[in-house]
PDB file of N, CA and C in Angstrom:
ATOM      1  N   UNK A   1     161.361  26.644 162.455  1.00  0.00           N
ATOM      2  CA  UNK A   1     160.670  26.161 161.249  1.00  0.00           C
ATOM      3  C   UNK A   1     161.624  25.349 160.423  1.00  0.00           C
ATOM      4  N   UNK A   2     161.110  24.255 159.883  1.00  0.00           N
ATOM      5  CA  UNK A   2     161.912  23.299 159.041  1.00  0.00           C
ATOM      6  C   UNK A   2     162.341  23.996 157.761  1.00  0.00           C
ATOM      7  N   UNK A   3     163.457  23.527 157.205  1.00  0.00           N
ATOM      8  CA  UNK A   3     163.953  24.166 155.877  1.00  0.00           C
ATOM      9  C   UNK A   3     162.788  23.845 154.804  1.00  0.00           C
ATOM     10  N   UNK A   4     162.728  24.744 153.893  1.00  0.00           N
ATOM     11  CA  UNK A   4     161.786  24.720 152.820  1.00  0.00           C
ATOM     12  C   UNK A   4     161.857  23.332 152.098  1.00  0.00           C
ATOM     13  N   UNK A   5     163.024  22.857 151.846  1.00  0.00           N
ATOM     14  CA  UNK A   5     163.153  21.613 151.175  1.00  0.00           C
ATOM     15  C   UNK A   5     162.454  20.424 151.847  1.00  0.00           C
ATOM     16  N   UNK A   6     162.525  20.441 153.214  1.00  0.00           N
ATOM     17  CA  UNK A   6     162.016  19.471 154.072  1.00  0.00           C
ATOM     18  C   UNK A   6     160.457  19.558 154.049  1.00  0.00           C
ATOM     19  N   UNK A   7     160.000  20.830 154.107  1.00  0.00           N
ATOM     20  CA  UNK A   7     158.566  21.042 154.103  1.00  0.00           C
ATOM     21  C   UNK A   7     157.953  20.674 152.855  1.00  0.00           C
ATOM     22  N   UNK A   8     158.637  20.901 151.733  1.00  0.00           N
ATOM     23  CA  UNK A   8     158.117  20.537 150.398  1.00  0.00           C
ATOM     24  C   UNK A   8     158.079  19.061 150.227  1.00  0.00           C
ATOM     25  N   UNK A   9     159.120  18.319 150.715  1.00  0.00           N
ATOM     26  CA  UNK A   9     159.191  16.818 150.708  1.00  0.00           C
ATOM     27  C   UNK A   9     157.997  16.284 151.541  1.00  0.00           C
ATOM     28  N   UNK A  10     157.811  16.861 152.718  1.00  0.00           N
ATOM     29  CA  UNK A  10     156.674  16.391 153.497  1.00  0.00           C
ATOM     30  C   UNK A  10     155.291  16.588 152.826  1.00  0.00           C
ATOM     31  N   UNK A  11     155.159  17.755 152.298  1.00  0.00           N
ATOM     32  CA  UNK A  11     153.939  18.040 151.618  1.00  0.00           C
ATOM     33  C   UNK A  11     153.649  17.168 150.454  1.00  0.00           C
ATOM     34  N   UNK A  12     154.741  16.855 149.739  1.00  0.00           N
ATOM     35  CA  UNK A  12     154.579  15.932 148.542  1.00  0.00           C
ATOM     36  C   UNK A  12     154.197  14.498 149.053  1.00  0.00           C
ATOM     37  N   UNK A  13     154.770  14.140 150.115  1.00  0.00           N
ATOM     38  CA  UNK A  13     154.443  12.778 150.640  1.00  0.00           C
ATOM     39  C   UNK A  13     152.901  12.756 151.136  1.00  0.00           C
ATOM     40  N   UNK A  14     152.575  13.825 151.785  1.00  0.00           N
ATOM     41  CA  UNK A  14     151.107  13.877 152.250  1.00  0.00           C
ATOM     42  C   UNK A  14     150.093  13.890 151.087  1.00  0.00           C
ATOM     43  N   UNK A  15     150.520  14.572 149.981  1.00  0.00           N
ATOM     44  CA  UNK A  15     149.621  14.682 148.859  1.00  0.00           C
ATOM     45  C   UNK A  15     149.556  13.369 148.182  1.00  0.00           C
ATOM     46  N   UNK A  16     150.676  12.714 148.055  1.00  0.00           N
ATOM     47  CA  UNK A  16     150.695  11.327 147.360  1.00  0.00           C
ATOM     48  C   UNK A  16     149.886  10.385 148.296  1.00  0.00           C
ATOM     49  N   UNK A  17     149.983  10.414 149.605  1.00  0.00           N
ATOM     50  CA  UNK A  17     149.217   9.558 150.461  1.00  0.00           C
ATOM     51  C   UNK A  17     147.753   9.848 150.303  1.00  0.00           C
ATOM     52  N   UNK A  18     147.358  11.089 150.176  1.00  0.00           N
ATOM     53  CA  UNK A  18     145.928  11.422 150.064  1.00  0.00           C
ATOM     54  C   UNK A  18     145.473  10.914 148.605  1.00  0.00           C
ATOM     55  N   UNK A  19     146.262  11.137 147.689  1.00  0.00           N
ATOM     56  CA  UNK A  19     145.842  10.526 146.301  1.00  0.00           C
ATOM     57  C   UNK A  19     145.529   9.055 146.310  1.00  0.00           C
ATOM     58  N   UNK A  20     146.475   8.356 146.966  1.00  0.00           N
ATOM     59  CA  UNK A  20     146.325   6.862 147.004  1.00  0.00           C
ATOM     60  C   UNK A  20     145.080   6.506 147.763  1.00  0.00           C
ATOM     61  N   UNK A  21     144.880   7.199 148.920  1.00  0.00           N
ATOM     62  CA  UNK A  21     143.671   6.985 149.770  1.00  0.00           C
ATOM     63  C   UNK A  21     142.434   7.256 148.993  1.00  0.00           C
ATOM     64  N   UNK A  22     142.469   8.390 148.318  1.00  0.00           N
ATOM     65  CA  UNK A  22     141.156   8.788 147.552  1.00  0.00           C
ATOM     66  C   UNK A  22     140.867   7.793 146.382  1.00  0.00           C
ATOM     67  N   UNK A  23     141.973   7.330 145.773  1.00  0.00           N
ATOM     68  CA  UNK A  23     141.859   6.373 144.638  1.00  0.00           C
ATOM     69  C   UNK A  23     141.217   5.113 145.133  1.00  0.00           C
ATOM     70  N   UNK A  24     141.746   4.631 146.303  1.00  0.00           N
ATOM     71  CA  UNK A  24     141.265   3.357 146.828  1.00  0.00           C
ATOM     72  C   UNK A  24     139.914   3.477 147.423  1.00  0.00           C
ATOM     73  N   UNK A  25     139.529   4.538 148.175  1.00  0.00           N
ATOM     74  CA  UNK A  25     138.288   4.694 148.792  1.00  0.00           C
ATOM     75  C   UNK A  25     137.155   4.823 147.711  1.00  0.00           C
ATOM     76  N   UNK A  26     137.496   5.529 146.633  1.00  0.00           N
ATOM     77  CA  UNK A  26     136.461   5.861 145.599  1.00  0.00           C
ATOM     78  C   UNK A  26     136.567   4.897 144.418  1.00  0.00           C
ATOM     79  N   UNK A  27     137.551   3.969 144.415  1.00  0.00           N
ATOM     80  CA  UNK A  27     137.686   3.022 143.382  1.00  0.00           C
ATOM     81  C   UNK A  27     137.958   3.663 142.017  1.00  0.00           C
ATOM     82  N   UNK A  28     138.810   4.660 141.975  1.00  0.00           N
ATOM     83  CA  UNK A  28     139.171   5.441 140.828  1.00  0.00           C
ATOM     84  C   UNK A  28     140.475   4.803 140.201  1.00  0.00           C
ATOM     85  N   UNK A  29     140.487   4.752 138.854  1.00  0.00           N
ATOM     86  CA  UNK A  29     141.696   4.348 138.152  1.00  0.00           C
ATOM     87  C   UNK A  29     142.735   5.520 138.150  1.00  0.00           C
ATOM     88  N   UNK A  30     143.900   5.141 137.691  1.00  0.00           N
ATOM     89  CA  UNK A  30     144.934   6.194 137.663  1.00  0.00           C
ATOM     90  C   UNK A  30     144.570   7.253 136.580  1.00  0.00           C
ATOM     91  N   UNK A  31     143.871   6.877 135.529  1.00  0.00           N
ATOM     92  CA  UNK A  31     143.369   7.744 134.466  1.00  0.00           C
ATOM     93  C   UNK A  31     142.368   8.689 135.047  1.00  0.00           C
ATOM     94  N   UNK A  32     141.456   8.214 135.826  1.00  0.00           N
ATOM     95  CA  UNK A  32     140.465   9.111 136.506  1.00  0.00           C
ATOM     96  C   UNK A  32     141.084  10.060 137.479  1.00  0.00           C
ATOM     97  N   UNK A  33     142.078   9.556 138.281  1.00  0.00           N
ATOM     98  CA  UNK A  33     142.770  10.346 139.251  1.00  0.00           C
ATOM     99  C   UNK A  33     143.592  11.453 138.517  1.00  0.00           C
ATOM    100  N   UNK A  34     144.159  11.104 137.307  1.00  0.00           N
ATOM    101  CA  UNK A  34     144.864  12.062 136.486  1.00  0.00           C
ATOM    102  C   UNK A  34     143.940  13.206 136.195  1.00  0.00           C
ATOM    103  N   UNK A  35     142.701  12.978 135.816  1.00  0.00           N
ATOM    104  CA  UNK A  35     141.793  14.046 135.467  1.00  0.00           C
ATOM    105  C   UNK A  35     141.418  14.912 136.719  1.00  0.00           C
ATOM    106  N   UNK A  36     141.264  14.223 137.819  1.00  0.00           N
ATOM    107  CA  UNK A  36     140.969  14.970 139.038  1.00  0.00           C
ATOM    108  C   UNK A  36     142.084  15.853 139.392  1.00  0.00           C
ATOM    109  N   UNK A  37     143.293  15.396 139.396  1.00  0.00           N
ATOM    110  CA  UNK A  37     144.483  16.142 139.562  1.00  0.00           C
ATOM    111  C   UNK A  37     144.684  17.261 138.639  1.00  0.00           C
ATOM    112  N   UNK A  38     144.272  17.157 137.397  1.00  0.00           N
ATOM    113  CA  UNK A  38     144.469  18.249 136.432  1.00  0.00           C
ATOM    114  C   UNK A  38     143.559  19.305 136.771  1.00  0.00           C
ATOM    115  N   UNK A  39     142.344  19.028 137.192  1.00  0.00           N
ATOM    116  CA  UNK A  39     141.368  20.091 137.606  1.00  0.00           C
ATOM    117  C   UNK A  39     141.806  20.792 138.900  1.00  0.00           C
ATOM    118  N   UNK A  40     142.292  19.984 139.843  1.00  0.00           N
ATOM    119  CA  UNK A  40     142.822  20.590 141.101  1.00  0.00           C
ATOM    120  C   UNK A  40     143.960  21.423 140.794  1.00  0.00           C
ATOM    121  N   UNK A  41     144.837  21.082 139.895  1.00  0.00           N
ATOM    122  CA  UNK A  41     146.074  21.836 139.603  1.00  0.00           C
ATOM    123  C   UNK A  41     145.628  23.146 138.948  1.00  0.00           C
ATOM    124  N   UNK A  42     144.552  23.178 138.131  1.00  0.00           N
ATOM    125  CA  UNK A  42     144.039  24.446 137.566  1.00  0.00           C
ATOM    126  C   UNK A  42     143.561  25.349 138.563  1.00  0.00           C
ATOM    127  N   UNK A  43     142.936  24.884 139.613  1.00  0.00           N
ATOM    128  CA  UNK A  43     142.329  25.680 140.758  1.00  0.00           C
ATOM    129  C   UNK A  43     143.616  26.209 141.610  1.00  0.00           C
ATOM    130  N   UNK A  44     144.615  25.390 141.742  1.00  0.00           N
ATOM    131  CA  UNK A  44     145.821  25.833 142.475  1.00  0.00           C
ATOM    132  C   UNK A  44     146.602  26.936 141.730  1.00  0.00           C
ATOM    133  N   UNK A  45     146.629  26.790 140.437  1.00  0.00           N
ATOM    134  CA  UNK A  45     147.372  27.827 139.564  1.00  0.00           C
ATOM    135  C   UNK A  45     146.516  29.093 139.643  1.00  0.00           C
ATOM    136  N   UNK A  46     145.252  29.021 139.573  1.00  0.00           N
ATOM    137  CA  UNK A  46     144.466  30.205 139.719  1.00  0.00           C
ATOM    138  C   UNK A  46     144.603  30.929 140.995  1.00  0.00           C
ATOM    139  N   UNK A  47     144.716  30.132 142.099  1.00  0.00           N
ATOM    140  CA  UNK A  47     144.938  30.680 143.446  1.00  0.00           C
ATOM    141  C   UNK A  47     146.282  31.345 143.571  1.00  0.00           C
ATOM    142  N   UNK A  48     147.295  30.666 142.910  1.00  0.00           N
ATOM    143  CA  UNK A  48     148.654  31.182 143.001  1.00  0.00           C
ATOM    144  C   UNK A  48     148.762  32.553 142.268  1.00  0.00           C
ATOM    145  N   UNK A  49     148.029  32.643 141.129  1.00  0.00           N
ATOM    146  CA  UNK A  49     148.037  33.923 140.367  1.00  0.00           C
ATOM    147  C   UNK A  49     147.357  35.050 141.262  1.00  0.00           C
ATOM    148  N   UNK A  50     146.282  34.627 141.900  1.00  0.00           N
ATOM    149  CA  UNK A  50     145.668  35.590 142.807  1.00  0.00           C
ATOM    150  C   UNK A  50     146.480  36.052 143.912  1.00  0.00           C
ATOM    151  N   UNK A  51     147.141  35.043 144.590  1.00  0.00           N
ATOM    152  CA  UNK A  51     148.157  35.470 145.623  1.00  0.00           C
ATOM    153  C   UNK A  51     149.305  36.368 145.221  1.00  0.00           C
ATOM    154  N   UNK A  52     149.912  36.013 143.875  1.00  0.00           N
ATOM    155  CA  UNK A  52     150.867  36.865 143.374  1.00  0.00           C
ATOM    156  C   UNK A  52     150.370  38.275 143.081  1.00  0.00           C
ATOM    157  N   UNK A  53     149.127  38.357 142.635  1.00  0.00           N
ATOM    158  CA  UNK A  53     148.617  39.731 142.247  1.00  0.00           C
ATOM    159  C   UNK A  53     148.391  40.469 143.463  1.00  0.00           C
ATOM    160  N   UNK A  54     147.855  39.776 144.517  1.00  0.00           N
ATOM    161  CA  UNK A  54     147.633  40.503 145.851  1.00  0.00           C
ATOM    162  C   UNK A  54     148.963  40.941 146.466  1.00  0.00           C
ATOM    163  N   UNK A  55     149.962  40.146 146.398  1.00  0.00           N
ATOM    164  CA  UNK A  55     151.297  40.523 146.895  1.00  0.00           C
ATOM    165  C   UNK A  55     151.848  41.764 146.140  1.00  0.00           C
ATOM    166  N   UNK A  56     151.706  41.695 144.847  1.00  0.00           N
ATOM    167  CA  UNK A  56     152.147  42.799 143.998  1.00  0.00           C
ATOM    168  C   UNK A  56     151.398  44.171 144.280  1.00  0.00           C
ATOM    169  N   UNK A  57     150.114  44.017 144.428  1.00  0.00           N
ATOM    170  CA  UNK A  57     149.272  45.212 144.759  1.00  0.00           C
ATOM    171  C   UNK A  57     149.629  45.722 146.145  1.00  0.00           C
ATOM    172  N   UNK A  58     149.840  44.898 147.074  1.00  0.00           N
ATOM    173  CA  UNK A  58     150.257  45.236 148.449  1.00  0.00           C
ATOM    174  C   UNK A  58     151.607  46.063 148.361  1.00  0.00           C
ATOM    175  N   UNK A  59     152.533  45.456 147.628  1.00  0.00           N
ATOM    176  CA  UNK A  59     153.885  46.126 147.532  1.00  0.00           C
ATOM    177  C   UNK A  59     153.745  47.463 146.854  1.00  0.00           C
ATOM    178  N   UNK A  60     152.900  47.536 145.804  1.00  0.00           N
ATOM    179  CA  UNK A  60     152.773  48.764 145.154  1.00  0.00           C
ATOM    180  C   UNK A  60     152.091  49.861 145.966  1.00  0.00           C
ATOM    181  N   UNK A  61     151.093  49.357 146.730  1.00  0.00           N
ATOM    182  CA  UNK A  61     150.464  50.309 147.663  1.00  0.00           C
ATOM    183  C   UNK A  61     151.368  50.884 148.731  1.00  0.00           C
ATOM    184  N   UNK A  62     152.221  49.958 149.232  1.00  0.00           N
ATOM    185  CA  UNK A  62     153.157  50.396 150.301  1.00  0.00           C
ATOM    186  C   UNK A  62     154.141  51.416 149.718  1.00  0.00           C
ATOM    187  N   UNK A  63     154.629  51.084 148.440  1.00  0.00           N
ATOM    188  CA  UNK A  63     155.515  51.982 147.783  1.00  0.00           C
ATOM    189  C   UNK A  63     154.867  53.358 147.583  1.00  0.00           C
ATOM    190  N   UNK A  64     153.624  53.394 147.064  1.00  0.00           N
ATOM    191  CA  UNK A  64     153.038  54.675 146.890  1.00  0.00           C
ATOM    192  C   UNK A  64     152.856  55.483 148.187  1.00  0.00           C
ATOM    193  N   UNK A  65     152.470  54.737 149.268  1.00  0.00           N
ATOM    194  CA  UNK A  65     152.312  55.389 150.507  1.00  0.00           C
ATOM    195  C   UNK A  65     153.758  56.011 150.995  1.00  0.00           C
ATOM    196  N   UNK A  66     154.828  55.259 150.752  1.00  0.00           N
ATOM    197  CA  UNK A  66     156.128  55.675 151.172  1.00  0.00           C
ATOM    198  C   UNK A  66     156.441  56.961 150.312  1.00  0.00           C
ATOM    199  N   UNK A  67     156.169  56.963 148.980  1.00  0.00           N
ATOM    200  CA  UNK A  67     156.519  58.070 148.110  1.00  0.00           C
ATOM    201  C   UNK A  67     155.705  59.314 148.591  1.00  0.00           C
ATOM    202  N   UNK A  68     154.482  58.992 148.972  1.00  0.00           N
ATOM    203  CA  UNK A  68     153.546  60.193 149.406  1.00  0.00           C
ATOM    204  C   UNK A  68     154.119  60.780 150.614  1.00  0.00           C
ATOM    205  N   UNK A  69     154.476  59.946 151.542  1.00  0.00           N
ATOM    206  CA  UNK A  69     155.110  60.440 152.924  1.00  0.00           C
ATOM    207  C   UNK A  69     156.321  61.227 152.613  1.00  0.00           C
ATOM    208  N   UNK A  70     157.193  60.683 151.725  1.00  0.00           N
ATOM    209  CA  UNK A  70     158.494  61.383 151.473  1.00  0.00           C
ATOM    210  C   UNK A  70     158.294  62.754 150.783  1.00  0.00           C
ATOM    211  N   UNK A  71     157.234  62.781 149.933  1.00  0.00           N
ATOM    212  CA  UNK A  71     156.871  64.068 149.202  1.00  0.00           C
ATOM    213  C   UNK A  71     156.395  65.041 150.327  1.00  0.00           C
ATOM    214  N   UNK A  72     155.522  64.513 151.163  1.00  0.00           N
ATOM    215  CA  UNK A  72     154.980  65.431 152.177  1.00  0.00           C
ATOM    216  C   UNK A  72     156.106  65.912 153.170  1.00  0.00           C
ATOM    217  N   UNK A  73     156.968  64.998 153.483  1.00  0.00           N
ATOM    218  CA  UNK A  73     158.109  65.377 154.366  1.00  0.00           C
ATOM    219  C   UNK A  73     159.026  66.463 153.674  1.00  0.00           C
ATOM    220  N   UNK A  74     159.264  66.178 152.355  1.00  0.00           N
ATOM    221  CA  UNK A  74     160.026  67.092 151.562  1.00  0.00           C
ATOM    222  C   UNK A  74     159.380  68.490 151.428  1.00  0.00           C
ATOM    223  N   UNK A  75     158.150  68.524 151.191  1.00  0.00           N
ATOM    224  CA  UNK A  75     157.452  69.723 151.146  1.00  0.00           C
ATOM    225  C   UNK A  75     157.418  70.510 152.451  1.00  0.00           C
ATOM    226  N   UNK A  76     157.291  69.790 153.575  1.00  0.00           N
ATOM    227  CA  UNK A  76     157.343  70.416 154.870  1.00  0.00           C
ATOM    228  C   UNK A  76     158.765  70.964 155.106  1.00  0.00           C
ATOM    229  N   UNK A  77     159.735  70.158 154.709  1.00  0.00           N
ATOM    230  CA  UNK A  77     161.118  70.626 154.927  1.00  0.00           C
ATOM    231  C   UNK A  77     161.515  71.799 154.015  1.00  0.00           C
ATOM    232  N   UNK A  78     160.987  71.909 152.920  1.00  0.00           N
ATOM    233  CA  UNK A  78     161.316  73.046 151.988  1.00  0.00           C
ATOM    234  C   UNK A  78     160.664  74.307 152.585  1.00  0.00           C
ATOM    235  N   UNK A  79     159.410  74.181 153.096  1.00  0.00           N
ATOM    236  CA  UNK A  79     158.692  75.271 153.644  1.00  0.00           C
ATOM    237  C   UNK A  79     159.511  75.864 154.774  1.00  0.00           C
ATOM    238  N   UNK A  80     159.943  75.036 155.685  1.00  0.00           N
ATOM    239  CA  UNK A  80     160.697  75.526 156.928  1.00  0.00           C
ATOM    240  C   UNK A  80     161.962  76.226 156.473  1.00  0.00           C
ATOM    241  N   UNK A  81     162.597  75.585 155.476  1.00  0.00           N
ATOM    242  CA  UNK A  81     163.890  76.270 155.067  1.00  0.00           C
ATOM    243  C   UNK A  81     163.628  77.674 154.456  1.00  0.00           C
ATOM    244  N   UNK A  82     162.512  77.839 153.763  1.00  0.00           N
ATOM    245  CA  UNK A  82     162.196  79.113 153.103  1.00  0.00           C
ATOM    246  C   UNK A  82     161.940  80.245 154.189  1.00  0.00           C
ATOM    247  N   UNK A  83     161.303  79.740 155.319  1.00  0.00           N
ATOM    248  CA  UNK A  83     160.982  80.711 156.466  1.00  0.00           C
ATOM    249  C   UNK A  83     162.273  81.089 157.006  1.00  0.00           C
ATOM    250  N   UNK A  84     163.160  80.065 157.242  1.00  0.00           N
ATOM    251  CA  UNK A  84     164.409  80.427 157.927  1.00  0.00           C
ATOM    252  C   UNK A  84     165.285  81.370 157.069  1.00  0.00           C
ATOM    253  N   UNK A  85     165.306  81.156 155.695  1.00  0.00           N
ATOM    254  CA  UNK A  85     166.050  82.057 154.879  1.00  0.00           C
ATOM    255  C   UNK A  85     165.432  83.339 154.809  1.00  0.00           C
ATOM    256  N   UNK A  86     164.147  83.576 154.770  1.00  0.00           N
ATOM    257  CA  UNK A  86     163.505  84.818 154.847  1.00  0.00           C
ATOM    258  C   UNK A  86     163.698  85.599 156.142  1.00  0.00           C
ATOM    259  N   UNK A  87     163.748  84.888 157.203  1.00  0.00           N
ATOM    260  CA  UNK A  87     164.034  85.414 158.431  1.00  0.00           C
ATOM    261  C   UNK A  87     165.424  85.996 158.623  1.00  0.00           C
ATOM    262  N   UNK A  88     166.373  85.371 157.897  1.00  0.00           N
ATOM    263  CA  UNK A  88     167.784  85.759 157.948  1.00  0.00           C
ATOM    264  C   UNK A  88     168.109  86.935 157.093  1.00  0.00           C
ATOM    265  N   UNK A  89     167.184  87.135 156.030  1.00  0.00           N
ATOM    266  CA  UNK A  89     167.508  88.241 155.103  1.00  0.00           C
ATOM    267  C   UNK A  89     166.859  89.526 155.537  1.00  0.00           C
TER     268      UNK A  89
END
């Protein structure tokens, strides 16, 4: 996989090319394109927030599952230790 800097530069170039093409094909001025881009940026920001929230929730769920498993393992370990101590007394 290419370095992130290179992928970002390529993406920027492709987006710029697409903007120029859309402007030419649809006969839109720079001012009109600016409005279109502002709307598109709002959609992208909303998607980014959703992705961030989903990643956070996934991490939290994984952490809760790990804590639950550790507690279950600890409770199982304590129980075995009590039986061993009772058998020795």
